[in-house]
Amino acid sequence: MYNEPIFLQPVFQERIWGGQKLNTQFNYEIPYEHTGEAWVVSAHPNGPSVIENGPLKGKTLADAWLEHGELFNKGKDNDGAYPLLVKVLDAADDLSVQVHPNDQFAQEVEDVPYGKTECWYVLSAEEGAELVLGHHATTREELEDMIDRGEWDQLLRRVSVQAGDFVYVPSGTIHAIGKGIVILEIQQSSDITYRVYDYDRTDAAGNKRELHLERAKQVTTVPHQDAEVEQTENAVDDLTVKKLVGEKYFSVYHWDLKGKASLDMDKDFLQVSVIAGKAKLTVNGQDFEIGKGSHFVIPHRVGAYELSGEAELVVSHS
């Protein structure tokens, strides 16, 4: 079964800060005026991806993971949750300032399998766009006092970004994607967010969104330290492979294809997002056309495969 890639349908999520760029940049038929997220590789219960091709067409990625663990180099009795989640986010407005717990806190307090460590590949950014990444408090007491007093300008650490930047965000990091930024996010398969500050925004009924200050104070890393990741680069035929991060929960690569490359499937599975250009993926004599906005999983048993064309891809695995 599945000597071919597993193509997936995006699951769209409405967000107060979302916009229209998932349509204008990726030509997705988005369902909402404020479409903030496309969950493009997901087995999470809040938005599981549906398989578009092959013997499991119409099933979800979660079904494939639980019922056909051999596709991911897992045993047939695999009962753990699919480990990763890939999203495309359009921040037409600032996201709330937030923080995520680690695995232990998520399991003990929220009764879910995973906390949330994540990373972002910046697909586009308007001039002057900024992220919130970390804070300036030196002790937990100082952090709590600044949150209680609402001293956001003094507390929050802001950094400028542009297209092509990569940001690694371990659990416990206060963060927020800023207005005018579109990102590809690879994260643990978790939907646990503790909202710290939401710019006092209100919904159509005049209600502010819930904050989660006490839990945010508990899980935030103090003092903030920028994550240091080792990046490497090598070439396979006409493919330049840049490793962006290789940490406990995931490894992420940027692939720049300018011609043809023959590759071996040596991971449990690969998650692939095409972020620019178009190419042909050849697996076991079958050709698959892929282009910007394509997202798929290459299962373990594929073996050798070939890419040809000119395209940029972001590839990840657990």
Protein backbone atom coordinates (compact mmCIF):
# COMPACT_ATOMS: atom_id res chain seq x y z
CA MET A 1 0.00 0.00 0.00
CA TYR A 2 1.14 3.52 -0.87
CA ASN A 3 4.19 3.32 -3.00
CA GLU A 4 3.28 6.95 -3.68
CA PRO A 5 2.99 10.24 -1.81
CA ILE A 6 -0.06 10.90 0.36
CA PHE A 7 -1.61 14.22 -0.75
CA LEU A 8 -3.70 16.10 1.79
CA GLN A 9 -6.50 18.66 1.71
CA PRO A 10 -5.99 21.80 3.83
CA VAL A 11 -8.32 22.40 6.78
CA PHE A 12 -9.11 26.11 7.13
CA GLN A 13 -9.54 27.86 10.46
CA GLU A 14 -11.26 31.20 11.00
CA ARG A 15 -9.30 33.61 13.19
CA ILE A 16 -9.99 37.17 14.34
CA TRP A 17 -6.58 38.20 12.97
CA GLY A 18 -6.84 36.30 9.66
CA GLY A 19 -7.14 37.70 6.14
CA GLN A 20 -7.24 36.73 2.47
CA LYS A 21 -3.61 35.87 1.63
CA LEU A 22 -4.20 32.13 1.72
CA ASN A 23 -6.27 32.84 -1.39
CA THR A 24 -4.15 35.49 -3.06
CA GLN A 25 -0.78 33.83 -2.40
CA PHE A 26 -1.76 30.14 -2.64
CA ASN A 27 -4.97 30.20 -4.65
CA TYR A 28 -6.80 28.26 -1.95
CA GLU A 29 -10.59 28.55 -1.96
CA ILE A 30 -10.88 29.90 1.56
CA PRO A 31 -14.22 29.81 3.40
CA TYR A 32 -13.97 32.85 5.66
CA GLU A 33 -13.35 36.58 5.38
CA HIS A 34 -10.83 36.21 8.20
CA THR A 35 -9.14 32.92 7.28
CA GLY A 36 -6.11 32.74 9.54
CA GLU A 37 -4.84 29.20 9.21
CA ALA A 38 -4.65 26.30 6.80
CA TRP A 39 -3.80 23.08 8.61
CA VAL A 40 -2.04 21.39 5.72
CA VAL A 41 -0.57 18.28 7.36
CA SER A 42 -2.70 17.44 10.36
CA ALA A 43 -3.88 14.44 12.33
CA HIS A 44 -5.09 16.63 15.21
CA PRO A 45 -8.74 16.11 16.24
CA ASN A 46 -9.44 19.85 15.88
CA GLY A 47 -8.71 19.69 12.14
CA PRO A 48 -7.57 16.39 10.61
CA SER A 49 -6.39 16.46 6.98
CA VAL A 50 -8.32 14.33 4.47
CA ILE A 51 -6.31 12.16 2.06
CA GLU A 52 -6.86 13.02 -1.62
CA ASN A 53 -5.40 9.99 -3.40
CA GLY A 54 -4.65 6.29 -3.29
CA PRO A 55 -6.28 3.41 -1.38
CA LEU A 56 -7.05 5.60 1.66
CA LYS A 57 -8.67 8.44 -0.30
CA GLY A 58 -11.35 10.08 1.84
CA LYS A 59 -9.82 8.85 5.09
CA THR A 60 -7.96 11.19 7.41
CA LEU A 61 -4.25 11.28 8.14
CA ALA A 62 -5.17 10.25 11.69
CA ASP A 63 -6.87 7.14 10.29
CA ALA A 64 -3.78 6.28 8.27
CA TRP A 65 -1.52 6.75 11.29
CA LEU A 66 -3.62 4.55 13.58
CA GLU A 67 -4.65 1.87 11.07
CA HIS A 68 -1.57 1.68 8.84
CA GLY A 69 1.42 2.39 11.05
CA GLU A 70 3.67 0.59 8.57
CA LEU A 71 3.41 3.64 6.29
CA PHE A 72 5.27 5.62 8.95
CA ASN A 73 7.65 2.83 9.96
CA LYS A 74 5.54 2.09 13.03
CA GLY A 75 4.23 -1.23 14.22
CA LYS A 76 0.63 -2.25 13.58
CA ASP A 77 -0.17 -1.72 17.26
CA ASN A 78 0.89 1.93 17.14
CA ASP A 79 -1.45 3.81 19.49
CA GLY A 80 0.44 7.06 20.02
CA ALA A 81 -0.75 10.30 18.46
CA TYR A 82 0.72 11.54 15.17
CA PRO A 83 3.53 13.77 16.42
CA LEU A 84 3.54 16.83 14.12
CA LEU A 85 1.27 19.48 12.64
CA VAL A 86 2.02 21.77 9.69
CA LYS A 87 0.12 25.02 9.11
CA VAL A 88 0.18 28.06 6.86
CA LEU A 89 -0.77 31.22 8.80
CA ASP A 90 -1.86 34.61 7.41
CA ALA A 91 -1.55 37.36 10.01
CA ALA A 92 -3.59 40.24 8.60
CA ASP A 93 -3.48 41.62 12.14
CA ASP A 94 -1.26 40.94 15.15
CA LEU A 95 -1.78 37.57 16.79
CA SER A 96 -2.29 37.51 20.54
CA VAL A 97 0.84 37.30 22.66
CA GLN A 98 0.94 33.73 23.92
CA VAL A 99 2.99 30.89 25.33
CA HIS A 100 2.75 27.09 25.12
CA PRO A 101 3.49 24.43 27.75
CA ASN A 102 5.98 21.59 27.52
CA ASP A 103 4.97 17.92 27.28
CA GLN A 104 4.98 17.31 31.03
CA PHE A 105 2.72 20.27 31.84
CA ALA A 106 0.38 19.47 28.93
CA GLN A 107 0.02 15.85 30.04
CA GLU A 108 -0.39 16.57 33.76
CA VAL A 109 -2.58 19.68 33.56
CA GLU A 110 -4.38 19.52 30.21
CA ASP A 111 -4.50 15.71 29.76
CA VAL A 112 -3.24 15.91 26.17
CA PRO A 113 -0.23 14.01 24.77
CA TYR A 114 1.91 16.91 23.60
CA GLY A 115 2.99 20.35 24.61
CA LYS A 116 3.97 22.71 21.84
CA THR A 117 7.39 23.48 20.51
CA GLU A 118 7.15 25.07 17.07
CA CYS A 119 9.11 26.79 14.33
CA TRP A 120 8.29 29.28 11.58
CA TYR A 121 9.52 29.69 8.02
CA VAL A 122 8.59 33.21 6.91
CA LEU A 123 6.93 33.01 3.48
CA SER A 124 6.23 36.73 3.11
CA ALA A 125 6.46 39.82 5.27
CA GLU A 126 5.37 43.39 4.67
CA GLU A 127 7.95 46.13 5.14
CA GLY A 128 8.62 46.76 8.82
CA ALA A 129 6.94 43.53 9.97
CA GLU A 130 7.85 42.32 13.47
CA LEU A 131 7.42 39.31 15.70
CA VAL A 132 7.21 39.11 19.45
CA LEU A 133 9.88 36.63 20.52
CA GLY A 134 10.70 36.45 24.21
CA HIS A 135 10.60 38.98 27.02
CA HIS A 136 12.88 41.26 29.06
CA ALA A 137 12.04 40.08 32.58
CA THR A 138 15.02 38.73 34.52
CA THR A 139 13.11 36.91 37.30
CA ARG A 140 9.73 35.20 37.52
CA GLU A 141 8.60 37.79 40.05
CA GLU A 142 9.48 40.57 37.62
CA LEU A 143 7.65 38.75 34.81
CA GLU A 144 4.51 38.36 36.92
CA ASP A 145 4.61 42.00 38.08
CA MET A 146 5.01 43.34 34.53
CA ILE A 147 2.14 41.15 33.29
CA ASP A 148 -0.09 42.24 36.20
CA ARG A 149 0.68 45.91 35.53
CA GLY A 150 0.21 45.53 31.77
CA GLU A 151 3.70 46.85 30.98
CA TRP A 152 3.72 45.26 27.53
CA ASP A 153 6.08 47.72 25.84
CA GLN A 154 8.70 47.11 28.52
CA LEU A 155 8.12 43.36 28.78
CA LEU A 156 7.87 42.14 25.21
CA ARG A 157 10.89 41.62 22.96
CA ARG A 158 10.24 42.45 19.31
CA VAL A 159 12.31 41.38 16.29
CA SER A 160 12.08 42.34 12.62
CA VAL A 161 11.66 39.61 10.01
CA GLN A 162 11.61 39.22 6.25
CA ALA A 163 10.79 36.46 3.78
CA GLY A 164 13.12 33.48 4.12
CA ASP A 165 13.79 33.94 7.83
CA PHE A 166 13.52 30.90 10.11
CA VAL A 167 12.52 31.11 13.77
CA TYR A 168 12.65 28.27 16.33
CA VAL A 169 10.20 28.66 19.23
CA PRO A 170 10.62 26.16 22.08
CA SER A 171 7.77 25.64 24.55
CA GLY A 172 7.87 28.27 27.29
CA THR A 173 8.73 31.09 24.85
CA ILE A 174 6.42 34.11 24.88
CA HIS A 175 5.72 34.90 21.23
CA ALA A 176 3.37 36.38 18.64
CA ILE A 177 3.31 36.63 14.86
CA GLY A 178 2.94 40.24 13.79
CA LYS A 179 0.67 41.91 11.26
CA GLY A 180 1.62 41.47 7.61
CA ILE A 181 3.43 38.15 7.98
CA VAL A 182 2.62 34.82 6.33
CA ILE A 183 4.42 31.80 7.76
CA LEU A 184 4.72 28.05 7.38
CA GLU A 185 4.63 26.57 10.87
CA ILE A 186 5.89 23.14 11.85
CA GLN A 187 4.99 22.18 15.40
CA GLN A 188 4.18 19.39 17.79
CA SER A 189 0.62 18.20 17.23
CA SER A 190 -0.93 20.32 19.96
CA ASP A 191 -3.57 23.03 20.14
CA ILE A 192 -2.83 24.24 23.68
CA THR A 193 -2.30 28.02 23.86
CA TYR A 194 -2.09 30.28 26.89
CA ARG A 195 -3.02 33.80 25.82
CA VAL A 196 -1.13 36.54 27.66
CA TYR A 197 -2.22 39.74 25.90
CA ASP A 198 -4.69 40.38 23.07
CA TYR A 199 -4.43 44.16 22.54
CA ASP A 200 -7.84 44.54 24.27
CA ARG A 201 -9.60 43.45 21.07
CA THR A 202 -13.30 42.62 21.13
CA ASP A 203 -15.43 40.39 18.95
CA ALA A 204 -18.63 41.41 17.13
CA ALA A 205 -20.54 41.11 20.42
CA GLY A 206 -18.07 43.38 22.22
CA ASN A 207 -16.44 40.58 24.22
CA LYS A 208 -12.72 40.29 24.80
CA ARG A 209 -11.06 36.92 24.21
CA GLU A 210 -10.14 34.90 27.27
CA LEU A 211 -6.66 35.30 28.74
CA HIS A 212 -4.82 32.54 30.59
CA LEU A 213 -2.45 34.57 32.75
CA GLU A 214 -1.88 32.21 35.67
CA ARG A 215 -0.93 29.24 33.53
CA ALA A 216 1.12 31.47 31.23
CA LYS A 217 3.12 32.67 34.23
CA GLN A 218 3.71 29.05 35.27
CA VAL A 219 5.05 27.81 31.93
CA THR A 220 7.05 30.82 30.65
CA THR A 221 10.82 30.34 30.64
CA VAL A 222 12.58 33.01 32.75
CA PRO A 223 14.87 34.61 31.77
CA HIS A 224 14.32 34.35 28.04
CA GLN A 225 17.14 32.82 26.05
CA ASP A 226 17.28 32.75 22.27
CA ALA A 227 17.32 29.19 20.99
CA GLU A 228 20.57 28.34 19.25
CA VAL A 229 20.25 25.86 16.41
CA GLU A 230 23.00 24.43 14.26
CA GLN A 231 22.32 24.78 10.53
CA THR A 232 24.12 22.85 7.80
CA GLU A 233 23.97 22.75 4.02
CA ASN A 234 24.77 20.11 1.42
CA ALA A 235 23.82 19.21 -2.15
CA VAL A 236 22.26 16.14 -3.76
CA ASP A 237 22.54 16.44 -7.55
CA ASP A 238 20.71 19.69 -8.40
CA LEU A 239 19.09 19.96 -4.98
CA THR A 240 20.52 22.19 -2.23
CA VAL A 241 19.49 20.94 1.19
CA LYS A 242 19.73 23.34 4.12
CA LYS A 243 19.00 21.90 7.54
CA LEU A 244 17.21 24.63 9.49
CA VAL A 245 16.79 22.81 12.79
CA GLY A 246 17.30 19.32 14.16
CA GLU A 247 15.98 19.20 17.71
CA LYS A 248 14.11 16.77 19.98
CA TYR A 249 10.69 17.02 18.35
CA PHE A 250 11.39 17.64 14.68
CA SER A 251 13.95 18.27 11.98
CA VAL A 252 13.19 20.86 9.29
CA TYR A 253 14.93 21.51 5.98
CA HIS A 254 14.74 24.01 3.13
CA TRP A 255 15.15 22.32 -0.26
CA ASP A 256 16.07 24.44 -3.30
CA LEU A 257 15.61 22.41 -6.49
CA LYS A 258 17.14 23.64 -9.72
CA GLY A 259 17.07 20.63 -12.04
CA LYS A 260 16.94 16.98 -11.03
CA ALA A 261 17.72 15.00 -7.90
CA SER A 262 17.54 11.28 -7.08
CA LEU A 263 16.81 10.58 -3.42
CA ASP A 264 16.38 7.64 -1.05
CA MET A 265 13.62 7.53 1.55
CA ASP A 266 15.68 7.02 4.72
CA LYS A 267 13.30 8.53 7.32
CA ASP A 268 10.17 7.15 8.97
CA PHE A 269 8.19 9.62 6.87
CA LEU A 270 8.62 13.08 5.34
CA GLN A 271 6.20 16.00 5.40
CA VAL A 272 6.64 18.16 2.31
CA SER A 273 5.30 21.67 1.59
CA VAL A 274 6.00 23.32 -1.76
CA ILE A 275 6.43 27.05 -1.10
CA ALA A 276 7.51 28.25 -4.57
CA GLY A 277 7.80 27.02 -8.15
CA LYS A 278 6.69 23.70 -9.55
CA ALA A 279 8.24 20.28 -10.06
CA LYS A 280 7.61 16.65 -10.85
CA LEU A 281 7.87 13.98 -8.18
CA THR A 282 8.53 10.52 -9.60
CA VAL A 283 7.86 7.51 -7.37
CA ASN A 284 8.02 3.93 -8.63
CA GLY A 285 7.50 5.03 -12.21
CA GLN A 286 4.56 7.29 -11.41
CA ASP A 287 4.80 11.06 -12.01
CA PHE A 288 3.10 13.54 -9.68
CA GLU A 289 2.93 17.25 -10.51
CA ILE A 290 3.56 19.43 -7.48
CA GLY A 291 3.60 23.20 -7.13
CA LYS A 292 3.28 26.08 -4.69
CA GLY A 293 0.64 25.19 -2.13
CA SER A 294 1.05 21.40 -2.48
CA HIS A 295 1.40 19.51 0.81
CA PHE A 296 1.96 15.79 1.15
CA VAL A 297 3.55 13.01 3.15
CA ILE A 298 6.10 10.64 1.64
CA PRO A 299 5.60 7.34 3.49
CA HIS A 300 8.48 5.21 4.68
CA ARG A 301 8.02 2.38 2.20
CA VAL A 302 8.40 4.56 -0.92
CA GLY A 303 12.12 3.81 -1.21
CA ALA A 304 13.82 5.74 -4.01
CA TYR A 305 12.19 8.78 -5.62
CA GLU A 306 13.14 11.61 -7.94
CA LEU A 307 12.44 15.33 -8.13
CA SER A 308 12.78 17.43 -11.28
CA GLY A 309 11.98 21.09 -11.96
CA GLU A 310 12.54 24.38 -10.17
CA ALA A 311 10.93 24.68 -6.76
CA GLU A 312 11.45 25.50 -3.10
CA LEU A 313 10.21 23.03 -0.53
CA VAL A 314 10.13 22.91 3.26
CA VAL A 315 10.54 19.32 4.44
CA SER A 316 10.16 17.98 7.98
CA HIS A 317 10.07 14.80 10.01
CA SER A 318 9.89 13.75 13.65
